[in-house]
Amino acid sequence: LAAAIDDSFGSFDAMKSALVAVTVPIQGSGWGWLGYNIATGKIEVAACPNQDPLQATTGLVPLMGIDVWEHAYYVDYRNVRPEYVNAIWDVIN
C-alpha cells in the first residue's frame, strides 16, 4: 500500500493533503475517500455527498473513508470539521 501511495501521490504526506483537501469542503454530510482505480492501477481521492457509495458513483474501490456527517465529530469537535479531519491522522498511520 505504501508503494502504491508513493506511486500515485509522490508521498504519504501528499496523499494526506489531497484527501484532507477534498474532505473538509464537502457541503453538508458525506465522505472523503481513498480509493483504488482498477483501470489505471492508481490510488485516488474522491468526495461523495450524503450516503452516495464510492464504487457505484466513481468506479473507485474503497480503501479508506472519512465520515464527515456531523454525528461522526460534533460531540468532540463541534462544528470545526478541519480539526476532526486532521485528527484522523492521529489514528490512521
PDB file of N, CA and C in Angstrom:
ATOM      1  N   LEU A   1       0.830  -1.192   0.000  1.00  0.00           N
ATOM      2  CA  LEU A   1       0.000   0.000   0.000  1.00  0.00           C
ATOM      3  C   LEU A   1       0.872   1.252   0.000  1.00  0.00           C
ATOM      4  N   ALA A   2       1.936   1.246   0.807  1.00  0.00           N
ATOM      5  CA  ALA A   2       2.821   2.413   0.858  1.00  0.00           C
ATOM      6  C   ALA A   2       3.425   2.699  -0.513  1.00  0.00           C
ATOM      7  N   ALA A   3       3.825   1.666  -1.226  1.00  0.00           N
ATOM      8  CA  ALA A   3       4.403   1.853  -2.567  1.00  0.00           C
ATOM      9  C   ALA A   3       3.358   2.413  -3.530  1.00  0.00           C
ATOM     10  N   ALA A   4       2.130   1.939  -3.432  1.00  0.00           N
ATOM     11  CA  ALA A   4       1.062   2.431  -4.312  1.00  0.00           C
ATOM     12  C   ALA A   4       0.743   3.894  -4.005  1.00  0.00           C
ATOM     13  N   ILE A   5       0.760   4.262  -2.727  1.00  0.00           N
ATOM     14  CA  ILE A   5       0.533   5.665  -2.348  1.00  0.00           C
ATOM     15  C   ILE A   5       1.650   6.541  -2.901  1.00  0.00           C
ATOM     16  N   ASP A   6       2.891   6.108  -2.735  1.00  0.00           N
ATOM     17  CA  ASP A   6       4.021   6.875  -3.266  1.00  0.00           C
ATOM     18  C   ASP A   6       3.933   7.002  -4.785  1.00  0.00           C
ATOM     19  N   ASP A   7       3.541   5.923  -5.448  1.00  0.00           N
ATOM     20  CA  ASP A   7       3.421   5.941  -6.907  1.00  0.00           C
ATOM     21  C   ASP A   7       2.316   6.894  -7.368  1.00  0.00           C
ATOM     22  N   SER A   8       1.227   6.928  -6.635  1.00  0.00           N
ATOM     23  CA  SER A   8       0.074   7.736  -7.027  1.00  0.00           C
ATOM     24  C   SER A   8       0.174   9.197  -6.607  1.00  0.00           C
ATOM     25  N   PHE A   9       0.795   9.458  -5.457  1.00  0.00           N
ATOM     26  CA  PHE A   9       0.808  10.815  -4.902  1.00  0.00           C
ATOM     27  C   PHE A   9       2.207  11.398  -4.709  1.00  0.00           C
ATOM     28  N   GLY A  10       3.216  10.563  -4.742  1.00  0.00           N
ATOM     29  CA  GLY A  10       4.578  11.029  -4.503  1.00  0.00           C
ATOM     30  C   GLY A  10       5.050  10.801  -3.087  1.00  0.00           C
ATOM     31  N   SER A  11       4.114  10.843  -2.124  1.00  0.00           N
ATOM     32  CA  SER A  11       4.455  10.604  -0.723  1.00  0.00           C
ATOM     33  C   SER A  11       3.178  10.410   0.088  1.00  0.00           C
ATOM     34  N   PHE A  12       3.334   9.862   1.281  1.00  0.00           N
ATOM     35  CA  PHE A  12       2.201   9.704   2.185  1.00  0.00           C
ATOM     36  C   PHE A  12       1.644  11.075   2.572  1.00  0.00           C
ATOM     37  N   ASP A  13       2.531  12.036   2.841  1.00  0.00           N
ATOM     38  CA  ASP A  13       2.071  13.375   3.226  1.00  0.00           C
ATOM     39  C   ASP A  13       1.282  14.043   2.103  1.00  0.00           C
ATOM     40  N   ALA A  14       1.697  13.839   0.861  1.00  0.00           N
ATOM     41  CA  ALA A  14       0.953  14.408  -0.270  1.00  0.00           C
ATOM     42  C   ALA A  14      -0.431  13.774  -0.382  1.00  0.00           C
ATOM     43  N   MET A  15      -0.518  12.476  -0.120  1.00  0.00           N
ATOM     44  CA  MET A  15      -1.822  11.800  -0.129  1.00  0.00           C
ATOM     45  C   MET A  15      -2.710  12.357   0.978  1.00  0.00           C
ATOM     46  N   LYS A  16      -2.155  12.521   2.174  1.00  0.00           N
ATOM     47  CA  LYS A  16      -2.927  13.089   3.283  1.00  0.00           C
ATOM     48  C   LYS A  16      -3.459  14.468   2.917  1.00  0.00           C
ATOM     49  N   SER A  17      -2.609  15.305   2.354  1.00  0.00           N
ATOM     50  CA  SER A  17      -3.020  16.656   1.974  1.00  0.00           C
ATOM     51  C   SER A  17      -4.137  16.623   0.940  1.00  0.00           C
ATOM     52  N   ALA A  18      -4.014  15.737  -0.035  1.00  0.00           N
ATOM     53  CA  ALA A  18      -5.037  15.630  -1.082  1.00  0.00           C
ATOM     54  C   ALA A  18      -6.363  15.161  -0.506  1.00  0.00           C
ATOM     55  N   LEU A  19      -6.313  14.180   0.400  1.00  0.00           N
ATOM     56  CA  LEU A  19      -7.539  13.660   0.990  1.00  0.00           C
ATOM     57  C   LEU A  19      -8.203  14.698   1.883  1.00  0.00           C
ATOM     58  N   VAL A  20      -7.420  15.396   2.682  1.00  0.00           N
ATOM     59  CA  VAL A  20      -7.967  16.462   3.526  1.00  0.00           C
ATOM     60  C   VAL A  20      -8.589  17.549   2.647  1.00  0.00           C
ATOM     61  N   ALA A  21      -7.924  17.895   1.545  1.00  0.00           N
ATOM     62  CA  ALA A  21      -8.396  18.976   0.672  1.00  0.00           C
ATOM     63  C   ALA A  21      -9.746  18.667   0.032  1.00  0.00           C
ATOM     64  N   VAL A  22     -10.043  17.397  -0.236  1.00  0.00           N
ATOM     65  CA  VAL A  22     -11.356  17.081  -0.821  1.00  0.00           C
ATOM     66  C   VAL A  22     -12.403  16.786   0.248  1.00  0.00           C
ATOM     67  N   THR A  23     -11.971  16.441   1.452  1.00  0.00           N
ATOM     68  CA  THR A  23     -12.909  16.048   2.504  1.00  0.00           C
ATOM     69  C   THR A  23     -13.473  17.242   3.266  1.00  0.00           C
ATOM     70  N   VAL A  24     -12.631  18.157   3.674  1.00  0.00           N
ATOM     71  CA  VAL A  24     -13.070  19.285   4.506  1.00  0.00           C
ATOM     72  C   VAL A  24     -14.173  20.105   3.843  1.00  0.00           C
ATOM     73  N   PRO A  25     -14.080  20.445   2.554  1.00  0.00           N
ATOM     74  CA  PRO A  25     -15.101  21.333   1.982  1.00  0.00           C
ATOM     75  C   PRO A  25     -16.410  20.674   1.552  1.00  0.00           C
ATOM     76  N   ILE A  26     -16.604  19.395   1.835  1.00  0.00           N
ATOM     77  CA  ILE A  26     -17.873  18.761   1.475  1.00  0.00           C
ATOM     78  C   ILE A  26     -19.012  19.548   2.115  1.00  0.00           C
ATOM     79  N   GLN A  27     -19.963  19.947   1.310  1.00  0.00           N
ATOM     80  CA  GLN A  27     -21.103  20.696   1.817  1.00  0.00           C
ATOM     81  C   GLN A  27     -22.093  19.741   2.472  1.00  0.00           C
ATOM     82  N   GLY A  28     -22.467  20.030   3.700  1.00  0.00           N
ATOM     83  CA  GLY A  28     -23.396  19.160   4.408  1.00  0.00           C
ATOM     84  C   GLY A  28     -22.697  17.890   4.849  1.00  0.00           C
ATOM     85  N   SER A  29     -23.308  16.766   4.591  1.00  0.00           N
ATOM     86  CA  SER A  29     -22.788  15.485   5.034  1.00  0.00           C
ATOM     87  C   SER A  29     -22.186  14.711   3.866  1.00  0.00           C
ATOM     88  N   GLY A  30     -21.327  13.779   4.187  1.00  0.00           N
ATOM     89  CA  GLY A  30     -20.726  12.961   3.140  1.00  0.00           C
ATOM     90  C   GLY A  30     -19.470  12.260   3.614  1.00  0.00           C
ATOM     91  N   TRP A  31     -18.662  11.881   2.651  1.00  0.00           N
ATOM     92  CA  TRP A  31     -17.459  11.091   2.900  1.00  0.00           C
ATOM     93  C   TRP A  31     -16.308  11.569   2.032  1.00  0.00           C
ATOM     94  N   GLY A  32     -15.110  11.574   2.591  1.00  0.00           N
ATOM     95  CA  GLY A  32     -13.881  11.705   1.817  1.00  0.00           C
ATOM     96  C   GLY A  32     -13.300  10.308   1.683  1.00  0.00           C
ATOM     97  N   TRP A  33     -12.852   9.958   0.500  1.00  0.00           N
ATOM     98  CA  TRP A  33     -12.431   8.581   0.238  1.00  0.00           C
ATOM     99  C   TRP A  33     -11.033   8.493  -0.353  1.00  0.00           C
ATOM    100  N   LEU A  34     -10.348   7.436   0.008  1.00  0.00           N
ATOM    101  CA  LEU A  34      -9.152   6.980  -0.680  1.00  0.00           C
ATOM    102  C   LEU A  34      -9.596   5.720  -1.396  1.00  0.00           C
ATOM    103  N   GLY A  35      -9.448   5.699  -2.718  1.00  0.00           N
ATOM    104  CA  GLY A  35      -9.952   4.569  -3.483  1.00  0.00           C
ATOM    105  C   GLY A  35      -8.967   4.100  -4.534  1.00  0.00           C
ATOM    106  N   TYR A  36      -9.127   2.863  -4.936  1.00  0.00           N
ATOM    107  CA  TYR A  36      -8.274   2.247  -5.948  1.00  0.00           C
ATOM    108  C   TYR A  36      -8.984   2.265  -7.290  1.00  0.00           C
ATOM    109  N   ASN A  37      -8.303   2.807  -8.306  1.00  0.00           N
ATOM    110  CA  ASN A  37      -8.841   2.847  -9.655  1.00  0.00           C
ATOM    111  C   ASN A  37      -8.349   1.608 -10.395  1.00  0.00           C
ATOM    112  N   ILE A  38      -9.240   0.664 -10.637  1.00  0.00           N
ATOM    113  CA  ILE A  38      -8.875  -0.600 -11.286  1.00  0.00           C
ATOM    114  C   ILE A  38      -8.319  -0.355 -12.683  1.00  0.00           C
ATOM    115  N   ALA A  39      -8.870   0.611 -13.399  1.00  0.00           N
ATOM    116  CA  ALA A  39      -8.456   0.869 -14.782  1.00  0.00           C
ATOM    117  C   ALA A  39      -7.026   1.386 -14.880  1.00  0.00           C
ATOM    118  N   THR A  40      -6.637   2.248 -13.946  1.00  0.00           N
ATOM    119  CA  THR A  40      -5.307   2.864 -14.016  1.00  0.00           C
ATOM    120  C   THR A  40      -4.293   2.223 -13.073  1.00  0.00           C
ATOM    121  N   GLY A  41      -4.794   1.466 -12.097  1.00  0.00           N
ATOM    122  CA  GLY A  41      -3.910   0.888 -11.094  1.00  0.00           C
ATOM    123  C   GLY A  41      -3.404   1.904 -10.093  1.00  0.00           C
ATOM    124  N   LYS A  42      -4.005   3.076 -10.058  1.00  0.00           N
ATOM    125  CA  LYS A  42      -3.589   4.149  -9.155  1.00  0.00           C
ATOM    126  C   LYS A  42      -4.565   4.298  -7.998  1.00  0.00           C
ATOM    127  N   ILE A  43      -4.089   4.909  -6.944  1.00  0.00           N
ATOM    128  CA  ILE A  43      -4.937   5.270  -5.815  1.00  0.00           C
ATOM    129  C   ILE A  43      -5.336   6.724  -6.006  1.00  0.00           C
ATOM    130  N   GLU A  44      -6.604   7.030  -5.744  1.00  0.00           N
ATOM    131  CA  GLU A  44      -7.129   8.376  -5.944  1.00  0.00           C
ATOM    132  C   GLU A  44      -7.939   8.793  -4.729  1.00  0.00           C
ATOM    133  N   VAL A  45      -8.139  10.100  -4.596  1.00  0.00           N
ATOM    134  CA  VAL A  45      -9.039  10.623  -3.573  1.00  0.00           C
ATOM    135  C   VAL A  45     -10.328  11.060  -4.257  1.00  0.00           C
ATOM    136  N   ALA A  46     -11.409  10.994  -3.511  1.00  0.00           N
ATOM    137  CA  ALA A  46     -12.710  11.407  -4.031  1.00  0.00           C
ATOM    138  C   ALA A  46     -13.582  11.829  -2.859  1.00  0.00           C
ATOM    139  N   ALA A  47     -14.594  12.604  -3.156  1.00  0.00           N
ATOM    140  CA  ALA A  47     -15.587  13.001  -2.161  1.00  0.00           C
ATOM    141  C   ALA A  47     -16.956  12.584  -2.668  1.00  0.00           C
ATOM    142  N   CYS A  48     -17.772  12.071  -1.756  1.00  0.00           N
ATOM    143  CA  CYS A  48     -19.141  11.688  -2.092  1.00  0.00           C
ATOM    144  C   CYS A  48     -20.085  12.381  -1.117  1.00  0.00           C
ATOM    145  N   PRO A  49     -21.097  13.058  -1.636  1.00  0.00           N
ATOM    146  CA  PRO A  49     -22.059  13.696  -0.743  1.00  0.00           C
ATOM    147  C   PRO A  49     -23.003  12.669  -0.129  1.00  0.00           C
ATOM    148  N   ASN A  50     -23.537  13.030   1.010  1.00  0.00           N
ATOM    149  CA  ASN A  50     -24.567  12.230   1.684  1.00  0.00           C
ATOM    150  C   ASN A  50     -24.122  10.785   1.846  1.00  0.00           C
ATOM    151  N   GLN A  51     -24.963   9.845   1.467  1.00  0.00           N
ATOM    152  CA  GLN A  51     -24.612   8.428   1.602  1.00  0.00           C
ATOM    153  C   GLN A  51     -24.272   7.800   0.258  1.00  0.00           C
ATOM    154  N   ASP A  52     -23.950   8.619  -0.745  1.00  0.00           N
ATOM    155  CA  ASP A  52     -23.621   8.084  -2.064  1.00  0.00           C
ATOM    156  C   ASP A  52     -22.429   7.134  -1.959  1.00  0.00           C
ATOM    157  N   PRO A  53     -22.549   5.933  -2.515  1.00  0.00           N
ATOM    158  CA  PRO A  53     -21.467   4.956  -2.419  1.00  0.00           C
ATOM    159  C   PRO A  53     -20.330   5.280  -3.386  1.00  0.00           C
ATOM    160  N   LEU A  54     -19.108   5.076  -2.947  1.00  0.00           N
ATOM    161  CA  LEU A  54     -17.938   5.412  -3.750  1.00  0.00           C
ATOM    162  C   LEU A  54     -17.878   4.627  -5.050  1.00  0.00           C
ATOM    163  N   GLN A  55     -17.917   3.306  -4.962  1.00  0.00           N
ATOM    164  CA  GLN A  55     -17.712   2.496  -6.164  1.00  0.00           C
ATOM    165  C   GLN A  55     -18.814   2.702  -7.192  1.00  0.00           C
ATOM    166  N   ALA A  56     -20.044   2.811  -6.745  1.00  0.00           N
ATOM    167  CA  ALA A  56     -21.160   2.989  -7.678  1.00  0.00           C
ATOM    168  C   ALA A  56     -21.159   4.359  -8.344  1.00  0.00           C
ATOM    169  N   THR A  57     -20.604   5.373  -7.689  1.00  0.00           N
ATOM    170  CA  THR A  57     -20.630   6.725  -8.260  1.00  0.00           C
ATOM    171  C   THR A  57     -19.337   7.116  -8.959  1.00  0.00           C
ATOM    172  N   THR A  58     -18.209   6.501  -8.587  1.00  0.00           N
ATOM    173  CA  THR A  58     -16.925   6.895  -9.182  1.00  0.00           C
ATOM    174  C   THR A  58     -16.188   5.737  -9.846  1.00  0.00           C
ATOM    175  N   GLY A  59     -16.564   4.512  -9.518  1.00  0.00           N
ATOM    176  CA  GLY A  59     -15.835   3.352 -10.022  1.00  0.00           C
ATOM    177  C   GLY A  59     -14.633   2.982  -9.172  1.00  0.00           C
ATOM    178  N   LEU A  60     -14.325   3.793  -8.154  1.00  0.00           N
ATOM    179  CA  LEU A  60     -13.180   3.506  -7.298  1.00  0.00           C
ATOM    180  C   LEU A  60     -13.538   2.460  -6.248  1.00  0.00           C
ATOM    181  N   VAL A  61     -12.606   1.562  -5.977  1.00  0.00           N
ATOM    182  CA  VAL A  61     -12.775   0.567  -4.921  1.00  0.00           C
ATOM    183  C   VAL A  61     -12.342   1.225  -3.611  1.00  0.00           C
ATOM    184  N   PRO A  62     -13.221   1.270  -2.610  1.00  0.00           N
ATOM    185  CA  PRO A  62     -12.878   1.962  -1.364  1.00  0.00           C
ATOM    186  C   PRO A  62     -11.738   1.291  -0.607  1.00  0.00           C
ATOM    187  N   LEU A  63     -10.785   2.104  -0.169  1.00  0.00           N
ATOM    188  CA  LEU A  63      -9.698   1.646   0.692  1.00  0.00           C
ATOM    189  C   LEU A  63      -9.841   2.228   2.094  1.00  0.00           C
ATOM    190  N   MET A  64     -10.269   3.501   2.163  1.00  0.00           N
ATOM    191  CA  MET A  64     -10.435   4.169   3.446  1.00  0.00           C
ATOM    192  C   MET A  64     -11.406   5.327   3.266  1.00  0.00           C
ATOM    193  N   GLY A  65     -12.278   5.510   4.226  1.00  0.00           N
ATOM    194  CA  GLY A  65     -13.223   6.616   4.164  1.00  0.00           C
ATOM    195  C   GLY A  65     -13.179   7.452   5.422  1.00  0.00           C
ATOM    196  N   ILE A  66     -13.424   8.737   5.258  1.00  0.00           N
ATOM    197  CA  ILE A  66     -13.545   9.654   6.389  1.00  0.00           C
ATOM    198  C   ILE A  66     -14.980  10.166   6.398  1.00  0.00           C
ATOM    199  N   ASP A  67     -15.699   9.808   7.432  1.00  0.00           N
ATOM    200  CA  ASP A  67     -17.109  10.175   7.602  1.00  0.00           C
ATOM    201  C   ASP A  67     -17.188  11.623   8.061  1.00  0.00           C
ATOM    202  N   VAL A  68     -17.814  12.491   7.284  1.00  0.00           N
ATOM    203  CA  VAL A  68     -17.981  13.881   7.711  1.00  0.00           C
ATOM    204  C   VAL A  68     -19.443  14.242   7.942  1.00  0.00           C
ATOM    205  N   TRP A  69     -20.240  13.241   8.248  1.00  0.00           N
ATOM    206  CA  TRP A  69     -21.575  13.524   8.780  1.00  0.00           C
ATOM    207  C   TRP A  69     -21.353  14.071  10.183  1.00  0.00           C
ATOM    208  N   GLU A  70     -22.173  15.007  10.600  1.00  0.00           N
ATOM    209  CA  GLU A  70     -21.963  15.638  11.905  1.00  0.00           C
ATOM    210  C   GLU A  70     -21.935  14.641  13.058  1.00  0.00           C
ATOM    211  N   HIS A  71     -22.672  13.533  12.955  1.00  0.00           N
ATOM    212  CA  HIS A  71     -22.675  12.573  14.059  1.00  0.00           C
ATOM    213  C   HIS A  71     -21.290  11.990  14.311  1.00  0.00           C
ATOM    214  N   ALA A  72     -20.419  12.050  13.319  1.00  0.00           N
ATOM    215  CA  ALA A  72     -19.078  11.474  13.457  1.00  0.00           C
ATOM    216  C   ALA A  72     -18.157  12.344  14.306  1.00  0.00           C
ATOM    217  N   TYR A  73     -18.414  13.640  14.359  1.00  0.00           N
ATOM    218  CA  TYR A  73     -17.441  14.509  15.023  1.00  0.00           C
ATOM    219  C   TYR A  73     -18.023  15.593  15.919  1.00  0.00           C
ATOM    220  N   TYR A  74     -19.316  15.825  15.901  1.00  0.00           N
ATOM    221  CA  TYR A  74     -19.860  17.007  16.566  1.00  0.00           C
ATOM    222  C   TYR A  74     -19.624  17.022  18.085  1.00  0.00           C
ATOM    223  N   VAL A  75     -19.729  15.892  18.742  1.00  0.00           N
ATOM    224  CA  VAL A  75     -19.563  15.864  20.203  1.00  0.00           C
ATOM    225  C   VAL A  75     -18.164  16.330  20.601  1.00  0.00           C
ATOM    226  N   ASP A  76     -17.153  15.880  19.873  1.00  0.00           N
ATOM    227  CA  ASP A  76     -15.772  16.226  20.220  1.00  0.00           C
ATOM    228  C   ASP A  76     -15.261  17.508  19.558  1.00  0.00           C
ATOM    229  N   TYR A  77     -15.737  17.787  18.349  1.00  0.00           N
ATOM    230  CA  TYR A  77     -15.159  18.893  17.577  1.00  0.00           C
ATOM    231  C   TYR A  77     -16.141  20.013  17.263  1.00  0.00           C
ATOM    232  N   ARG A  78     -17.376  19.881  17.722  1.00  0.00           N
ATOM    233  CA  ARG A  78     -18.441  20.841  17.424  1.00  0.00           C
ATOM    234  C   ARG A  78     -18.517  21.039  15.910  1.00  0.00           C
ATOM    235  N   ASN A  79     -18.434  22.238  15.447  1.00  0.00           N
ATOM    236  CA  ASN A  79     -18.556  22.476  14.008  1.00  0.00           C
ATOM    237  C   ASN A  79     -17.209  22.767  13.343  1.00  0.00           C
ATOM    238  N   VAL A  80     -16.128  22.295  13.944  1.00  0.00           N
ATOM    239  CA  VAL A  80     -14.788  22.558  13.416  1.00  0.00           C
ATOM    240  C   VAL A  80     -14.297  21.315  12.652  1.00  0.00           C
ATOM    241  N   ARG A  81     -14.916  21.097  11.512  1.00  0.00           N
ATOM    242  CA  ARG A  81     -14.609  19.915  10.696  1.00  0.00           C
ATOM    243  C   ARG A  81     -13.123  19.786  10.357  1.00  0.00           C
ATOM    244  N   PRO A  82     -12.408  20.856  10.012  1.00  0.00           N
ATOM    245  CA  PRO A  82     -10.989  20.689   9.678  1.00  0.00           C
ATOM    246  C   PRO A  82     -10.170  20.055  10.807  1.00  0.00           C
ATOM    247  N   GLU A  83     -10.463  20.414  12.049  1.00  0.00           N
ATOM    248  CA  GLU A  83      -9.739  19.805  13.172  1.00  0.00           C
ATOM    249  C   GLU A  83     -10.018  18.312  13.250  1.00  0.00           C
ATOM    250  N   TYR A  84     -11.267  17.916  13.057  1.00  0.00           N
ATOM    251  CA  TYR A  84     -11.635  16.498  13.061  1.00  0.00           C
ATOM    252  C   TYR A  84     -10.919  15.745  11.942  1.00  0.00           C
ATOM    253  N   VAL A  85     -10.968  16.283  10.735  1.00  0.00           N
ATOM    254  CA  VAL A  85     -10.360  15.584   9.592  1.00  0.00           C
ATOM    255  C   VAL A  85      -8.853  15.464   9.800  1.00  0.00           C
ATOM    256  N   ASN A  86      -8.214  16.497  10.287  1.00  0.00           N
ATOM    257  CA  ASN A  86      -6.771  16.418  10.549  1.00  0.00           C
ATOM    258  C   ASN A  86      -6.444  15.475  11.696  1.00  0.00           C
ATOM    259  N   ALA A  87      -7.317  15.383  12.700  1.00  0.00           N
ATOM    260  CA  ALA A  87      -7.074  14.484  13.825  1.00  0.00           C
ATOM    261  C   ALA A  87      -7.197  13.013  13.437  1.00  0.00           C
ATOM    262  N   ILE A  88      -7.876  12.723  12.328  1.00  0.00           N
ATOM    263  CA  ILE A  88      -7.979  11.337  11.838  1.00  0.00           C
ATOM    264  C   ILE A  88      -6.592  10.725  11.710  1.00  0.00           C
ATOM    265  N   TRP A  89      -5.620  11.550  11.308  1.00  0.00           N
ATOM    266  CA  TRP A  89      -4.255  11.035  11.062  1.00  0.00           C
ATOM    267  C   TRP A  89      -3.531  10.698  12.348  1.00  0.00           C
ATOM    268  N   ASP A  90      -4.093  11.046  13.508  1.00  0.00           N
ATOM    269  CA  ASP A  90      -3.527  10.594  14.779  1.00  0.00           C
ATOM    270  C   ASP A  90      -3.895   9.137  15.034  1.00  0.00           C
ATOM    271  N   VAL A  91      -4.906   8.647  14.339  1.00  0.00           N
ATOM    272  CA  VAL A  91      -5.374   7.276  14.495  1.00  0.00           C
ATOM    273  C   VAL A  91      -4.923   6.398  13.330  1.00  0.00           C
ATOM    274  N   ILE A  92      -4.962   6.947  12.128  1.00  0.00           N
ATOM    275  CA  ILE A  92      -4.562   6.205  10.931  1.00  0.00           C
ATOM    276  C   ILE A  92      -3.093   6.467  10.666  1.00  0.00           C
ATOM    277  N   ASN A  93      -2.350   5.392  10.415  1.00  0.00           N
ATOM    278  CA  ASN A  93      -0.929   5.579  10.089  1.00  0.00           C
ATOM    279  C   ASN A  93      -0.510   4.643   8.978  1.00  0.00           C
TER     280      ASN A  93
END
